[in-house]
Amino acid sequence: MNLKNKLSCFIKTEKALLKLLKNTEFQNQPYIQWIENFNNFGSFKVQDNLTVEENELIYLRKENQQLRMENDILKQAALIIGKK
């Protein structure tokens, strides 16, 4: 079991530690977020912790970027063909 998994198991049993982290200088640190993500989703990977809507937004942004690139290529091709 790696360190993150051990820490997460400890946090599950020791809720007081999580409250302590929230009330100290660690409150703005990512520790609380990744502990809560592991407890909610069972993974520390960012991709695994995204909601369906967030994954869809990422997919749509990539698709939009691809379509813009294809559109630019077609515009350039039309200009070249139009000159002939």
PDB file of N, CA and C in Angstrom:
ATOM      1  N   MET A   1       0.858  -1.176   0.000  1.00  0.00           N
ATOM      2  CA  MET A   1       0.000   0.000   0.000  1.00  0.00           C
ATOM      3  C   MET A   1       0.905   1.240   0.000  1.00  0.00           C
ATOM      4  N   ASN A   2       0.657   2.171  -0.932  1.00  0.00           N
ATOM      5  CA  ASN A   2       1.522   3.348  -0.995  1.00  0.00           C
ATOM      6  C   ASN A   2       1.116   4.384   0.059  1.00  0.00           C
ATOM      7  N   LEU A   3       1.916   5.418   0.149  1.00  0.00           N
ATOM      8  CA  LEU A   3       1.731   6.430   1.188  1.00  0.00           C
ATOM      9  C   LEU A   3       0.374   7.121   1.090  1.00  0.00           C
ATOM     10  N   LYS A   4      -0.038   7.463  -0.127  1.00  0.00           N
ATOM     11  CA  LYS A   4      -1.317   8.159  -0.277  1.00  0.00           C
ATOM     12  C   LYS A   4      -2.474   7.283   0.179  1.00  0.00           C
ATOM     13  N   ASN A   5      -2.424   6.004  -0.173  1.00  0.00           N
ATOM     14  CA  ASN A   5      -3.488   5.098   0.260  1.00  0.00           C
ATOM     15  C   ASN A   5      -3.508   4.945   1.778  1.00  0.00           C
ATOM     16  N   LYS A   6      -2.333   4.839   2.374  1.00  0.00           N
ATOM     17  CA  LYS A   6      -2.257   4.724   3.834  1.00  0.00           C
ATOM     18  C   LYS A   6      -2.813   5.972   4.508  1.00  0.00           C
ATOM     19  N   LEU A   7      -2.426   7.126   3.981  1.00  0.00           N
ATOM     20  CA  LEU A   7      -2.903   8.380   4.557  1.00  0.00           C
ATOM     21  C   LEU A   7      -4.416   8.501   4.411  1.00  0.00           C
ATOM     22  N   SER A   8      -4.928   8.108   3.262  1.00  0.00           N
ATOM     23  CA  SER A   8      -6.368   8.181   3.055  1.00  0.00           C
ATOM     24  C   SER A   8      -7.115   7.272   4.021  1.00  0.00           C
ATOM     25  N   CYS A   9      -6.608   6.068   4.233  1.00  0.00           N
ATOM     26  CA  CYS A   9      -7.238   5.149   5.192  1.00  0.00           C
ATOM     27  C   CYS A   9      -7.190   5.736   6.601  1.00  0.00           C
ATOM     28  N   PHE A  10      -6.077   6.369   6.922  1.00  0.00           N
ATOM     29  CA  PHE A  10      -5.950   6.991   8.232  1.00  0.00           C
ATOM     30  C   PHE A  10      -6.968   8.123   8.385  1.00  0.00           C
ATOM     31  N   ILE A  11      -7.119   8.920   7.333  1.00  0.00           N
ATOM     32  CA  ILE A  11      -8.065  10.039   7.373  1.00  0.00           C
ATOM     33  C   ILE A  11      -9.489   9.531   7.543  1.00  0.00           C
ATOM     34  N   LYS A  12      -9.818   8.429   6.877  1.00  0.00           N
ATOM     35  CA  LYS A  12     -11.166   7.882   7.008  1.00  0.00           C
ATOM     36  C   LYS A  12     -11.480   7.542   8.460  1.00  0.00           C
ATOM     37  N   THR A  13     -10.500   7.032   9.180  1.00  0.00           N
ATOM     38  CA  THR A  13     -10.750   6.631  10.559  1.00  0.00           C
ATOM     39  C   THR A  13     -10.522   7.766  11.544  1.00  0.00           C
ATOM     40  N   GLU A  14      -9.779   8.749  11.149  1.00  0.00           N
ATOM     41  CA  GLU A  14      -9.450   9.861  12.047  1.00  0.00           C
ATOM     42  C   GLU A  14     -10.000  11.174  11.485  1.00  0.00           C
ATOM     43  N   LYS A  15     -11.281  11.377  11.583  1.00  0.00           N
ATOM     44  CA  LYS A  15     -11.925  12.589  11.064  1.00  0.00           C
ATOM     45  C   LYS A  15     -11.397  13.852  11.741  1.00  0.00           C
ATOM     46  N   ALA A  16     -10.920  13.729  12.948  1.00  0.00           N
ATOM     47  CA  ALA A  16     -10.401  14.887  13.672  1.00  0.00           C
ATOM     48  C   ALA A  16      -9.199  15.488  12.947  1.00  0.00           C
ATOM     49  N   LEU A  17      -8.395  14.645  12.318  1.00  0.00           N
ATOM     50  CA  LEU A  17      -7.229  15.146  11.590  1.00  0.00           C
ATOM     51  C   LEU A  17      -7.666  16.001  10.399  1.00  0.00           C
ATOM     52  N   LEU A  18      -8.694  15.577   9.713  1.00  0.00           N
ATOM     53  CA  LEU A  18      -9.196  16.359   8.588  1.00  0.00           C
ATOM     54  C   LEU A  18      -9.710  17.718   9.066  1.00  0.00           C
ATOM     55  N   LYS A  19     -10.407  17.725  10.182  1.00  0.00           N
ATOM     56  CA  LYS A  19     -10.874  19.002  10.737  1.00  0.00           C
ATOM     57  C   LYS A  19      -9.694  19.878  11.123  1.00  0.00           C
ATOM     58  N   LEU A  20      -8.662  19.260  11.676  1.00  0.00           N
ATOM     59  CA  LEU A  20      -7.461  19.998  12.057  1.00  0.00           C
ATOM     60  C   LEU A  20      -6.802  20.623  10.828  1.00  0.00           C
ATOM     61  N   LEU A  21      -6.697  19.853   9.740  1.00  0.00           N
ATOM     62  CA  LEU A  21      -6.104  20.379   8.512  1.00  0.00           C
ATOM     63  C   LEU A  21      -6.895  21.572   7.979  1.00  0.00           C
ATOM     64  N   LYS A  22      -8.200  21.481   8.060  1.00  0.00           N
ATOM     65  CA  LYS A  22      -9.039  22.571   7.559  1.00  0.00           C
ATOM     66  C   LYS A  22      -8.897  23.837   8.395  1.00  0.00           C
ATOM     67  N   ASN A  23      -8.531  23.702   9.648  1.00  0.00           N
ATOM     68  CA  ASN A  23      -8.447  24.854  10.543  1.00  0.00           C
ATOM     69  C   ASN A  23      -7.025  25.357  10.751  1.00  0.00           C
ATOM     70  N   THR A  24      -6.072  24.869   9.991  1.00  0.00           N
ATOM     71  CA  THR A  24      -4.682  25.301  10.141  1.00  0.00           C
ATOM     72  C   THR A  24      -4.175  25.890   8.840  1.00  0.00           C
ATOM     73  N   GLU A  25      -2.848  26.061   8.740  1.00  0.00           N
ATOM     74  CA  GLU A  25      -2.256  26.649   7.544  1.00  0.00           C
ATOM     75  C   GLU A  25      -2.400  25.745   6.320  1.00  0.00           C
ATOM     76  N   PHE A  26      -2.811  24.507   6.498  1.00  0.00           N
ATOM     77  CA  PHE A  26      -2.976  23.592   5.376  1.00  0.00           C
ATOM     78  C   PHE A  26      -4.289  23.796   4.629  1.00  0.00           C
ATOM     79  N   GLN A  27      -5.149  24.671   5.111  1.00  0.00           N
ATOM     80  CA  GLN A  27      -6.479  24.788   4.522  1.00  0.00           C
ATOM     81  C   GLN A  27      -6.451  25.202   3.061  1.00  0.00           C
ATOM     82  N   ASN A  28      -5.409  25.912   2.637  1.00  0.00           N
ATOM     83  CA  ASN A  28      -5.334  26.325   1.239  1.00  0.00           C
ATOM     84  C   ASN A  28      -4.450  25.394   0.412  1.00  0.00           C
ATOM     85  N   GLN A  29      -4.004  24.323   1.000  1.00  0.00           N
ATOM     86  CA  GLN A  29      -3.137  23.380   0.323  1.00  0.00           C
ATOM     87  C   GLN A  29      -3.959  22.302  -0.381  1.00  0.00           C
ATOM     88  N   PRO A  30      -3.364  21.641  -1.354  1.00  0.00           N
ATOM     89  CA  PRO A  30      -4.101  20.608  -2.097  1.00  0.00           C
ATOM     90  C   PRO A  30      -4.322  19.319  -1.309  1.00  0.00           C
ATOM     91  N   TYR A  31      -3.720  19.189  -0.127  1.00  0.00           N
ATOM     92  CA  TYR A  31      -3.839  17.949   0.644  1.00  0.00           C
ATOM     93  C   TYR A  31      -5.291  17.597   0.918  1.00  0.00           C
ATOM     94  N   ILE A  32      -6.033  18.570   1.372  1.00  0.00           N
ATOM     95  CA  ILE A  32      -7.435  18.323   1.711  1.00  0.00           C
ATOM     96  C   ILE A  32      -8.198  17.903   0.468  1.00  0.00           C
ATOM     97  N   GLN A  33      -7.930  18.564  -0.654  1.00  0.00           N
ATOM     98  CA  GLN A  33      -8.641  18.250  -1.889  1.00  0.00           C
ATOM     99  C   GLN A  33      -8.367  16.828  -2.350  1.00  0.00           C
ATOM    100  N   TRP A  34      -7.076  16.407  -2.359  1.00  0.00           N
ATOM    101  CA  TRP A  34      -6.828  15.060  -2.860  1.00  0.00           C
ATOM    102  C   TRP A  34      -7.280  13.997  -1.882  1.00  0.00           C
ATOM    103  N   ILE A  35      -7.310  14.291  -0.603  1.00  0.00           N
ATOM    104  CA  ILE A  35      -7.854  13.331   0.364  1.00  0.00           C
ATOM    105  C   ILE A  35      -9.353  13.175   0.142  1.00  0.00           C
ATOM    106  N   GLU A  36     -10.044  14.295  -0.026  1.00  0.00           N
ATOM    107  CA  GLU A  36     -11.485  14.236  -0.265  1.00  0.00           C
ATOM    108  C   GLU A  36     -11.793  13.563  -1.605  1.00  0.00           C
ATOM    109  N   ASN A  37     -10.971  13.830  -2.627  1.00  0.00           N
ATOM    110  CA  ASN A  37     -11.169  13.173  -3.917  1.00  0.00           C
ATOM    111  C   ASN A  37     -11.004  11.667  -3.791  1.00  0.00           C
ATOM    112  N   PHE A  38      -9.991  11.243  -3.051  1.00  0.00           N
ATOM    113  CA  PHE A  38      -9.793   9.802  -2.886  1.00  0.00           C
ATOM    114  C   PHE A  38     -10.964   9.189  -2.128  1.00  0.00           C
ATOM    115  N   ASN A  39     -11.417   9.865  -1.109  1.00  0.00           N
ATOM    116  CA  ASN A  39     -12.540   9.337  -0.336  1.00  0.00           C
ATOM    117  C   ASN A  39     -13.820   9.289  -1.169  1.00  0.00           C
ATOM    118  N   ASN A  40     -14.004  10.256  -2.059  1.00  0.00           N
ATOM    119  CA  ASN A  40     -15.216  10.300  -2.883  1.00  0.00           C
ATOM    120  C   ASN A  40     -15.147   9.413  -4.118  1.00  0.00           C
ATOM    121  N   PHE A  41     -13.969   9.375  -4.774  1.00  0.00           N
ATOM    122  CA  PHE A  41     -13.859   8.696  -6.056  1.00  0.00           C
ATOM    123  C   PHE A  41     -12.942   7.474  -6.036  1.00  0.00           C
ATOM    124  N   GLY A  42     -12.150   7.310  -4.994  1.00  0.00           N
ATOM    125  CA  GLY A  42     -11.264   6.146  -4.894  1.00  0.00           C
ATOM    126  C   GLY A  42     -10.013   6.238  -5.727  1.00  0.00           C
ATOM    127  N   SER A  43      -9.618   7.453  -6.123  1.00  0.00           N
ATOM    128  CA  SER A  43      -8.435   7.601  -6.955  1.00  0.00           C
ATOM    129  C   SER A  43      -7.792   8.963  -6.715  1.00  0.00           C
ATOM    130  N   PHE A  44      -6.478   9.009  -6.909  1.00  0.00           N
ATOM    131  CA  PHE A  44      -5.761  10.272  -6.792  1.00  0.00           C
ATOM    132  C   PHE A  44      -5.530  10.914  -8.156  1.00  0.00           C
ATOM    133  N   LYS A  45      -5.811  10.194  -9.232  1.00  0.00           N
ATOM    134  CA  LYS A  45      -5.603  10.734 -10.568  1.00  0.00           C
ATOM    135  C   LYS A  45      -6.671  11.786 -10.856  1.00  0.00           C
ATOM    136  N   VAL A  46      -6.232  12.907 -11.384  1.00  0.00           N
ATOM    137  CA  VAL A  46      -7.152  14.012 -11.669  1.00  0.00           C
ATOM    138  C   VAL A  46      -8.232  13.567 -12.644  1.00  0.00           C
ATOM    139  N   GLN A  47      -7.837  12.828 -13.673  1.00  0.00           N
ATOM    140  CA  GLN A  47      -8.794  12.400 -14.687  1.00  0.00           C
ATOM    141  C   GLN A  47      -9.896  11.530 -14.091  1.00  0.00           C
ATOM    142  N   ASP A  48      -9.565  10.722 -13.092  1.00  0.00           N
ATOM    143  CA  ASP A  48     -10.559   9.854 -12.458  1.00  0.00           C
ATOM    144  C   ASP A  48     -11.504  10.632 -11.558  1.00  0.00           C
ATOM    145  N   ASN A  49     -11.098  11.804 -11.126  1.00  0.00           N
ATOM    146  CA  ASN A  49     -11.875  12.573 -10.160  1.00  0.00           C
ATOM    147  C   ASN A  49     -12.767  13.629 -10.804  1.00  0.00           C
ATOM    148  N   LEU A  50     -12.826  13.640 -12.129  1.00  0.00           N
ATOM    149  CA  LEU A  50     -13.644  14.628 -12.820  1.00  0.00           C
ATOM    150  C   LEU A  50     -15.080  14.125 -12.947  1.00  0.00           C
ATOM    151  N   THR A  51     -15.997  15.066 -12.926  1.00  0.00           N
ATOM    152  CA  THR A  51     -17.402  14.704 -13.111  1.00  0.00           C
ATOM    153  C   THR A  51     -17.657  14.441 -14.593  1.00  0.00           C
ATOM    154  N   VAL A  52     -18.801  13.910 -14.898  1.00  0.00           N
ATOM    155  CA  VAL A  52     -19.175  13.640 -16.288  1.00  0.00           C
ATOM    156  C   VAL A  52     -19.192  14.939 -17.087  1.00  0.00           C
ATOM    157  N   GLU A  53     -19.708  15.991 -16.473  1.00  0.00           N
ATOM    158  CA  GLU A  53     -19.772  17.287 -17.158  1.00  0.00           C
ATOM    159  C   GLU A  53     -18.379  17.832 -17.446  1.00  0.00           C
ATOM    160  N   GLU A  54     -17.458  17.687 -16.493  1.00  0.00           N
ATOM    161  CA  GLU A  54     -16.091  18.172 -16.704  1.00  0.00           C
ATOM    162  C   GLU A  54     -15.404  17.385 -17.809  1.00  0.00           C
ATOM    163  N   ASN A  55     -15.604  16.063 -17.840  1.00  0.00           N
ATOM    164  CA  ASN A  55     -15.033  15.245 -18.915  1.00  0.00           C
ATOM    165  C   ASN A  55     -15.615  15.624 -20.262  1.00  0.00           C
ATOM    166  N   GLU A  56     -16.907  15.883 -20.311  1.00  0.00           N
ATOM    167  CA  GLU A  56     -17.550  16.277 -21.557  1.00  0.00           C
ATOM    168  C   GLU A  56     -17.016  17.632 -22.033  1.00  0.00           C
ATOM    169  N   LEU A  57     -16.814  18.558 -21.101  1.00  0.00           N
ATOM    170  CA  LEU A  57     -16.273  19.863 -21.455  1.00  0.00           C
ATOM    171  C   LEU A  57     -14.869  19.734 -22.040  1.00  0.00           C
ATOM    172  N   ILE A  58     -14.043  18.906 -21.455  1.00  0.00           N
ATOM    173  CA  ILE A  58     -12.693  18.668 -21.983  1.00  0.00           C
ATOM    174  C   ILE A  58     -12.768  18.096 -23.395  1.00  0.00           C
ATOM    175  N   TYR A  59     -13.644  17.105 -23.572  1.00  0.00           N
ATOM    176  CA  TYR A  59     -13.817  16.488 -24.892  1.00  0.00           C
ATOM    177  C   TYR A  59     -14.283  17.520 -25.927  1.00  0.00           C
ATOM    178  N   LEU A  60     -15.265  18.334 -25.567  1.00  0.00           N
ATOM    179  CA  LEU A  60     -15.795  19.321 -26.501  1.00  0.00           C
ATOM    180  C   LEU A  60     -14.768  20.394 -26.844  1.00  0.00           C
ATOM    181  N   ARG A  61     -13.947  20.777 -25.876  1.00  0.00           N
ATOM    182  CA  ARG A  61     -12.895  21.762 -26.163  1.00  0.00           C
ATOM    183  C   ARG A  61     -11.874  21.190 -27.143  1.00  0.00           C
ATOM    184  N   LYS A  62     -11.496  19.925 -26.960  1.00  0.00           N
ATOM    185  CA  LYS A  62     -10.548  19.291 -27.882  1.00  0.00           C
ATOM    186  C   LYS A  62     -11.152  19.180 -29.273  1.00  0.00           C
ATOM    187  N   GLU A  63     -12.413  18.777 -29.332  1.00  0.00           N
ATOM    188  CA  GLU A  63     -13.089  18.651 -30.619  1.00  0.00           C
ATOM    189  C   GLU A  63     -13.193  20.011 -31.307  1.00  0.00           C
ATOM    190  N   ASN A  64     -13.512  21.058 -30.549  1.00  0.00           N
ATOM    191  CA  ASN A  64     -13.605  22.410 -31.089  1.00  0.00           C
ATOM    192  C   ASN A  64     -12.262  22.859 -31.662  1.00  0.00           C
ATOM    193  N   GLN A  65     -11.196  22.590 -30.943  1.00  0.00           N
ATOM    194  CA  GLN A  65      -9.863  22.955 -31.410  1.00  0.00           C
ATOM    195  C   GLN A  65      -9.529  22.224 -32.712  1.00  0.00           C
ATOM    196  N   GLN A  66      -9.861  20.926 -32.765  1.00  0.00           N
ATOM    197  CA  GLN A  66      -9.612  20.136 -33.973  1.00  0.00           C
ATOM    198  C   GLN A  66     -10.397  20.689 -35.164  1.00  0.00           C
ATOM    199  N   LEU A  67     -11.661  21.023 -34.944  1.00  0.00           N
ATOM    200  CA  LEU A  67     -12.484  21.557 -36.027  1.00  0.00           C
ATOM    201  C   LEU A  67     -11.981  22.913 -36.508  1.00  0.00           C
ATOM    202  N   ARG A  68     -11.495  23.739 -35.606  1.00  0.00           N
ATOM    203  CA  ARG A  68     -10.932  25.036 -36.008  1.00  0.00           C
ATOM    204  C   ARG A  68      -9.691  24.840 -36.877  1.00  0.00           C
ATOM    205  N   MET A  69      -8.850  23.878 -36.494  1.00  0.00           N
ATOM    206  CA  MET A  69      -7.657  23.596 -37.285  1.00  0.00           C
ATOM    207  C   MET A  69      -8.041  23.100 -38.682  1.00  0.00           C
ATOM    208  N   GLU A  70      -9.008  22.197 -38.742  1.00  0.00           N
ATOM    209  CA  GLU A  70      -9.462  21.689 -40.037  1.00  0.00           C
ATOM    210  C   GLU A  70     -10.050  22.814 -40.885  1.00  0.00           C
ATOM    211  N   ASN A  71     -10.793  23.701 -40.261  1.00  0.00           N
ATOM    212  CA  ASN A  71     -11.385  24.845 -40.975  1.00  0.00           C
ATOM    213  C   ASN A  71     -10.292  25.748 -41.549  1.00  0.00           C
ATOM    214  N   ASP A  72      -9.249  26.011 -40.762  1.00  0.00           N
ATOM    215  CA  ASP A  72      -8.141  26.839 -41.247  1.00  0.00           C
ATOM    216  C   ASP A  72      -7.447  26.190 -42.437  1.00  0.00           C
ATOM    217  N   ILE A  73      -7.259  24.881 -42.376  1.00  0.00           N
ATOM    218  CA  ILE A  73      -6.620  24.161 -43.487  1.00  0.00           C
ATOM    219  C   ILE A  73      -7.479  24.256 -44.739  1.00  0.00           C
ATOM    220  N   LEU A  74      -8.780  24.070 -44.591  1.00  0.00           N
ATOM    221  CA  LEU A  74      -9.677  24.151 -45.745  1.00  0.00           C
ATOM    222  C   LEU A  74      -9.697  25.560 -46.339  1.00  0.00           C
ATOM    223  N   LYS A  75      -9.641  26.584 -45.496  1.00  0.00           N
ATOM    224  CA  LYS A  75      -9.595  27.959 -45.999  1.00  0.00           C
ATOM    225  C   LYS A  75      -8.325  28.194 -46.804  1.00  0.00           C
ATOM    226  N   GLN A  76      -7.197  27.716 -46.308  1.00  0.00           N
ATOM    227  CA  GLN A  76      -5.933  27.874 -47.017  1.00  0.00           C
ATOM    228  C   GLN A  76      -5.947  27.114 -48.332  1.00  0.00           C
ATOM    229  N   ALA A  77      -6.514  25.921 -48.306  1.00  0.00           N
ATOM    230  CA  ALA A  77      -6.601  25.125 -49.533  1.00  0.00           C
ATOM    231  C   ALA A  77      -7.492  25.830 -50.563  1.00  0.00           C
ATOM    232  N   ALA A  78      -8.587  26.417 -50.125  1.00  0.00           N
ATOM    233  CA  ALA A  78      -9.500  27.127 -51.024  1.00  0.00           C
ATOM    234  C   ALA A  78      -8.797  28.326 -51.655  1.00  0.00           C
ATOM    235  N   LEU A  79      -7.969  29.023 -50.885  1.00  0.00           N
ATOM    236  CA  LEU A  79      -7.220  30.156 -51.433  1.00  0.00           C
ATOM    237  C   LEU A  79      -6.222  29.698 -52.501  1.00  0.00           C
ATOM    238  N   ILE A  80      -5.549  28.589 -52.229  1.00  0.00           N
ATOM    239  CA  ILE A  80      -4.559  28.078 -53.180  1.00  0.00           C
ATOM    240  C   ILE A  80      -5.238  27.620 -54.459  1.00  0.00           C
ATOM    241  N   ILE A  81      -6.349  26.895 -54.321  1.00  0.00           N
ATOM    242  CA  ILE A  81      -7.078  26.401 -55.490  1.00  0.00           C
ATOM    243  C   ILE A  81      -7.691  27.566 -56.263  1.00  0.00           C
ATOM    244  N   GLY A  82      -8.156  28.588 -55.550  1.00  0.00           N
ATOM    245  CA  GLY A  82      -8.761  29.747 -56.193  1.00  0.00           C
ATOM    246  C   GLY A  82      -7.761  30.548 -57.015  1.00  0.00           C
ATOM    247  N   LYS A  83      -6.489  30.524 -56.692  1.00  0.00           N
ATOM    248  CA  LYS A  83      -5.470  31.256 -57.426  1.00  0.00           C
ATOM    249  C   LYS A  83      -5.113  30.579 -58.746  1.00  0.00           C
ATOM    250  N   LYS A  84      -5.398  29.293 -58.870  1.00  0.00           N
ATOM    251  CA  LYS A  84      -5.026  28.555 -60.088  1.00  0.00           C
ATOM    252  C   LYS A  84      -5.993  28.761 -61.205  1.00  0.00           C
TER     253      LYS A  84
END
